[in-house]
Amino acid sequence: MKTISLRELHANTGAWVRSASRLGAVLVTDRGRAIARIEPVAEGSAGNPFLKRRVLPEFAALKGRLGGGTDSTALVRADRDRG
């Protein structure tokens, strides 16, 4: 594992983050004490978490009973006209 100082990371953040994908984990130290580790992300692990969303049964039960709400742009416009 490559070890760099916090000062080195501040000076060349982009380069060190990109190099973590090539070198593997990079350990960041501050005054000789390990404080962080930069690790590459496994291929394909960064998916879209919103694709896994499910509607909770409680929310599904409210469907149809919820109103449309108030258009906030109309409220802002009315407030501006008054002021």
N, C-alpha and C. Protein backbone atom coordinates (compact mmCIF):
# COMPACT_ATOMS: atom_id res chain seq x y z
N MET A 1 0.86 -1.17 0.00
CA MET A 1 0.00 0.00 0.00
C MET A 1 0.91 1.24 0.00
N LYS A 2 0.63 2.16 -0.89
CA LYS A 2 1.38 3.42 -0.98
C LYS A 2 0.94 4.33 0.16
N THR A 3 1.89 5.01 0.79
CA THR A 3 1.60 5.95 1.87
C THR A 3 2.02 7.34 1.46
N ILE A 4 1.12 8.32 1.66
CA ILE A 4 1.41 9.71 1.35
C ILE A 4 1.01 10.58 2.54
N SER A 5 1.58 11.78 2.58
CA SER A 5 1.22 12.70 3.66
C SER A 5 -0.02 13.50 3.27
N LEU A 6 -0.65 14.08 4.25
CA LEU A 6 -1.82 14.92 4.01
C LEU A 6 -1.44 16.11 3.13
N ARG A 7 -0.27 16.65 3.33
CA ARG A 7 0.20 17.77 2.52
C ARG A 7 0.33 17.36 1.06
N GLU A 8 0.86 16.15 0.82
CA GLU A 8 0.97 15.64 -0.55
C GLU A 8 -0.41 15.49 -1.19
N LEU A 9 -1.36 15.00 -0.40
CA LEU A 9 -2.73 14.83 -0.91
C LEU A 9 -3.34 16.18 -1.27
N HIS A 10 -3.15 17.18 -0.42
CA HIS A 10 -3.68 18.51 -0.70
C HIS A 10 -3.08 19.09 -1.98
N ALA A 11 -1.80 18.86 -2.18
CA ALA A 11 -1.12 19.43 -3.35
C ALA A 11 -1.54 18.77 -4.65
N ASN A 12 -1.84 17.47 -4.62
CA ASN A 12 -2.13 16.72 -5.86
C ASN A 12 -3.30 15.76 -5.67
N THR A 13 -4.41 16.27 -5.19
CA THR A 13 -5.55 15.40 -4.88
C THR A 13 -6.00 14.58 -6.08
N GLY A 14 -6.24 15.26 -7.20
CA GLY A 14 -6.73 14.55 -8.38
C GLY A 14 -5.81 13.44 -8.83
N ALA A 15 -4.52 13.72 -8.84
CA ALA A 15 -3.55 12.71 -9.28
C ALA A 15 -3.55 11.50 -8.36
N TRP A 16 -3.63 11.74 -7.04
CA TRP A 16 -3.62 10.61 -6.11
C TRP A 16 -4.90 9.80 -6.18
N VAL A 17 -6.02 10.46 -6.37
CA VAL A 17 -7.29 9.72 -6.48
C VAL A 17 -7.27 8.86 -7.74
N ARG A 18 -6.79 9.44 -8.84
CA ARG A 18 -6.71 8.64 -10.08
C ARG A 18 -5.70 7.50 -9.95
N SER A 19 -4.60 7.75 -9.27
CA SER A 19 -3.58 6.71 -9.14
C SER A 19 -4.04 5.58 -8.23
N ALA A 20 -5.00 5.84 -7.35
CA ALA A 20 -5.51 4.76 -6.49
C ALA A 20 -6.14 3.66 -7.32
N SER A 21 -6.71 4.01 -8.48
CA SER A 21 -7.30 2.97 -9.33
C SER A 21 -6.21 2.08 -9.94
N ARG A 22 -5.02 2.63 -10.14
CA ARG A 22 -3.91 1.85 -10.68
C ARG A 22 -3.12 1.13 -9.59
N LEU A 23 -2.82 1.84 -8.50
CA LEU A 23 -1.93 1.31 -7.46
C LEU A 23 -2.65 0.48 -6.41
N GLY A 24 -3.94 0.70 -6.28
CA GLY A 24 -4.68 0.09 -5.17
C GLY A 24 -4.82 1.12 -4.08
N ALA A 25 -5.00 0.69 -2.86
CA ALA A 25 -5.25 1.60 -1.74
C ALA A 25 -4.05 2.51 -1.49
N VAL A 26 -4.36 3.76 -1.13
CA VAL A 26 -3.35 4.76 -0.77
C VAL A 26 -3.66 5.21 0.65
N LEU A 27 -2.69 5.09 1.54
CA LEU A 27 -2.87 5.47 2.94
C LEU A 27 -2.42 6.92 3.10
N VAL A 28 -3.25 7.73 3.75
CA VAL A 28 -2.95 9.14 3.99
C VAL A 28 -2.58 9.31 5.46
N THR A 29 -1.45 9.97 5.70
CA THR A 29 -1.00 10.18 7.07
C THR A 29 -0.92 11.67 7.39
N ASP A 30 -1.09 11.99 8.66
CA ASP A 30 -0.92 13.35 9.15
C ASP A 30 0.04 13.27 10.32
N ARG A 31 1.24 13.83 10.12
CA ARG A 31 2.30 13.78 11.14
C ARG A 31 2.62 12.36 11.56
N GLY A 32 2.65 11.47 10.56
CA GLY A 32 3.02 10.08 10.80
C GLY A 32 1.89 9.18 11.27
N ARG A 33 0.72 9.73 11.52
CA ARG A 33 -0.42 8.93 12.00
C ARG A 33 -1.40 8.72 10.85
N ALA A 34 -1.79 7.48 10.60
CA ALA A 34 -2.72 7.17 9.53
C ALA A 34 -4.08 7.78 9.84
N ILE A 35 -4.65 8.54 8.87
CA ILE A 35 -5.94 9.20 9.10
C ILE A 35 -6.99 8.83 8.07
N ALA A 36 -6.57 8.34 6.90
CA ALA A 36 -7.55 8.01 5.86
C ALA A 36 -6.94 7.02 4.88
N ARG A 37 -7.82 6.41 4.10
CA ARG A 37 -7.37 5.49 3.06
C ARG A 37 -8.21 5.76 1.82
N ILE A 38 -7.55 5.90 0.68
CA ILE A 38 -8.23 6.08 -0.60
C ILE A 38 -8.18 4.72 -1.29
N GLU A 39 -9.36 4.17 -1.60
CA GLU A 39 -9.42 2.86 -2.24
C GLU A 39 -10.17 2.94 -3.54
N PRO A 40 -9.76 2.15 -4.53
CA PRO A 40 -10.49 2.13 -5.79
C PRO A 40 -11.84 1.42 -5.62
N VAL A 41 -12.79 1.81 -6.42
CA VAL A 41 -14.12 1.20 -6.38
C VAL A 41 -14.13 0.02 -7.33
N ALA A 42 -14.70 -1.08 -6.90
CA ALA A 42 -14.79 -2.25 -7.76
C ALA A 42 -15.67 -1.92 -8.96
N GLU A 43 -15.30 -2.43 -10.11
CA GLU A 43 -16.06 -2.17 -11.33
C GLU A 43 -17.51 -2.63 -11.18
N GLY A 44 -18.42 -1.79 -11.59
CA GLY A 44 -19.83 -2.15 -11.58
C GLY A 44 -20.51 -2.01 -10.24
N SER A 45 -19.78 -1.66 -9.18
CA SER A 45 -20.41 -1.58 -7.87
C SER A 45 -21.14 -0.25 -7.66
N ALA A 46 -20.81 0.75 -8.46
CA ALA A 46 -21.45 2.06 -8.31
C ALA A 46 -22.69 2.12 -9.21
N GLY A 47 -23.77 1.55 -8.73
CA GLY A 47 -25.01 1.54 -9.49
C GLY A 47 -25.92 2.67 -9.06
N ASN A 48 -27.06 2.74 -9.66
CA ASN A 48 -28.04 3.75 -9.33
C ASN A 48 -28.92 3.24 -8.19
N PRO A 49 -28.79 3.81 -6.99
CA PRO A 49 -29.56 3.29 -5.85
C PRO A 49 -31.06 3.53 -6.00
N PHE A 50 -31.47 4.46 -6.85
CA PHE A 50 -32.89 4.74 -7.03
C PHE A 50 -33.59 3.64 -7.80
N LEU A 51 -32.85 2.81 -8.52
CA LEU A 51 -33.47 1.70 -9.24
C LEU A 51 -33.98 0.63 -8.27
N LYS A 52 -33.45 0.61 -7.05
CA LYS A 52 -33.84 -0.39 -6.06
C LYS A 52 -34.96 0.09 -5.14
N ARG A 53 -35.44 1.32 -5.35
CA ARG A 53 -36.47 1.88 -4.46
C ARG A 53 -37.77 1.09 -4.56
N ARG A 54 -38.44 0.99 -3.45
CA ARG A 54 -39.75 0.35 -3.39
C ARG A 54 -40.68 1.28 -2.61
N VAL A 55 -41.94 1.31 -2.98
CA VAL A 55 -42.93 2.12 -2.28
C VAL A 55 -43.31 1.40 -1.00
N LEU A 56 -43.22 2.12 0.11
CA LEU A 56 -43.59 1.54 1.40
C LEU A 56 -45.10 1.31 1.43
N PRO A 57 -45.55 0.25 2.07
CA PRO A 57 -46.98 -0.03 2.16
C PRO A 57 -47.77 1.12 2.77
N GLU A 58 -47.16 1.81 3.74
CA GLU A 58 -47.84 2.92 4.37
C GLU A 58 -48.12 4.04 3.37
N PHE A 59 -47.15 4.31 2.52
CA PHE A 59 -47.33 5.36 1.51
C PHE A 59 -48.33 4.91 0.45
N ALA A 60 -48.28 3.66 0.07
CA ALA A 60 -49.22 3.14 -0.92
C ALA A 60 -50.65 3.25 -0.41
N ALA A 61 -50.84 3.09 0.90
CA ALA A 61 -52.18 3.20 1.49
C ALA A 61 -52.71 4.63 1.40
N LEU A 62 -51.82 5.62 1.38
CA LEU A 62 -52.23 7.02 1.27
C LEU A 62 -52.56 7.44 -0.16
N LYS A 63 -52.13 6.65 -1.10
CA LYS A 63 -52.33 7.00 -2.50
C LYS A 63 -53.82 7.23 -2.79
N GLY A 64 -54.12 8.33 -3.41
CA GLY A 64 -55.51 8.67 -3.69
C GLY A 64 -56.11 9.58 -2.64
N ARG A 65 -55.59 9.52 -1.41
CA ARG A 65 -56.10 10.40 -0.36
C ARG A 65 -55.30 11.69 -0.25
N LEU A 66 -54.14 11.73 -0.90
CA LEU A 66 -53.31 12.93 -0.85
C LEU A 66 -53.80 13.92 -1.90
N GLY A 67 -53.87 15.17 -1.50
CA GLY A 67 -54.28 16.21 -2.44
C GLY A 67 -53.11 16.65 -3.30
N GLY A 68 -53.36 17.54 -4.22
CA GLY A 68 -52.32 18.02 -5.09
C GLY A 68 -51.39 19.01 -4.43
N GLY A 69 -51.77 19.56 -3.29
CA GLY A 69 -50.92 20.53 -2.62
C GLY A 69 -51.10 21.92 -3.21
N THR A 70 -50.26 22.82 -2.80
CA THR A 70 -50.33 24.21 -3.25
C THR A 70 -49.14 24.49 -4.14
N ASP A 71 -49.39 25.20 -5.22
CA ASP A 71 -48.32 25.57 -6.13
C ASP A 71 -47.49 26.66 -5.47
N SER A 72 -46.25 26.36 -5.15
CA SER A 72 -45.42 27.33 -4.43
C SER A 72 -45.10 28.55 -5.28
N THR A 73 -45.07 28.41 -6.59
CA THR A 73 -44.79 29.58 -7.43
C THR A 73 -45.91 30.61 -7.31
N ALA A 74 -47.14 30.15 -7.16
CA ALA A 74 -48.26 31.08 -6.99
C ALA A 74 -48.14 31.82 -5.66
N LEU A 75 -47.70 31.13 -4.60
CA LEU A 75 -47.53 31.77 -3.31
C LEU A 75 -46.42 32.82 -3.35
N VAL A 76 -45.32 32.51 -4.01
CA VAL A 76 -44.21 33.46 -4.11
C VAL A 76 -44.62 34.67 -4.92
N ARG A 77 -45.32 34.44 -6.01
CA ARG A 77 -45.79 35.54 -6.87
C ARG A 77 -46.72 36.46 -6.09
N ALA A 78 -47.64 35.89 -5.32
CA ALA A 78 -48.59 36.69 -4.53
C ALA A 78 -47.83 37.50 -3.48
N ASP A 79 -46.83 36.90 -2.86
CA ASP A 79 -46.05 37.59 -1.85
C ASP A 79 -45.28 38.75 -2.46
N ARG A 80 -44.73 38.56 -3.65
CA ARG A 80 -44.00 39.64 -4.33
C ARG A 80 -44.92 40.78 -4.71
N ASP A 81 -46.13 40.44 -5.15
CA ASP A 81 -47.09 41.48 -5.56
C ASP A 81 -47.51 42.35 -4.38
N ARG A 82 -47.56 41.76 -3.20
CA ARG A 82 -47.94 42.52 -2.01
C ARG A 82 -46.84 43.46 -1.55
N GLY A 83 -45.59 43.05 -1.76
CA GLY A 83 -44.48 43.78 -1.18
C GLY A 83 -43.94 44.89 -1.95
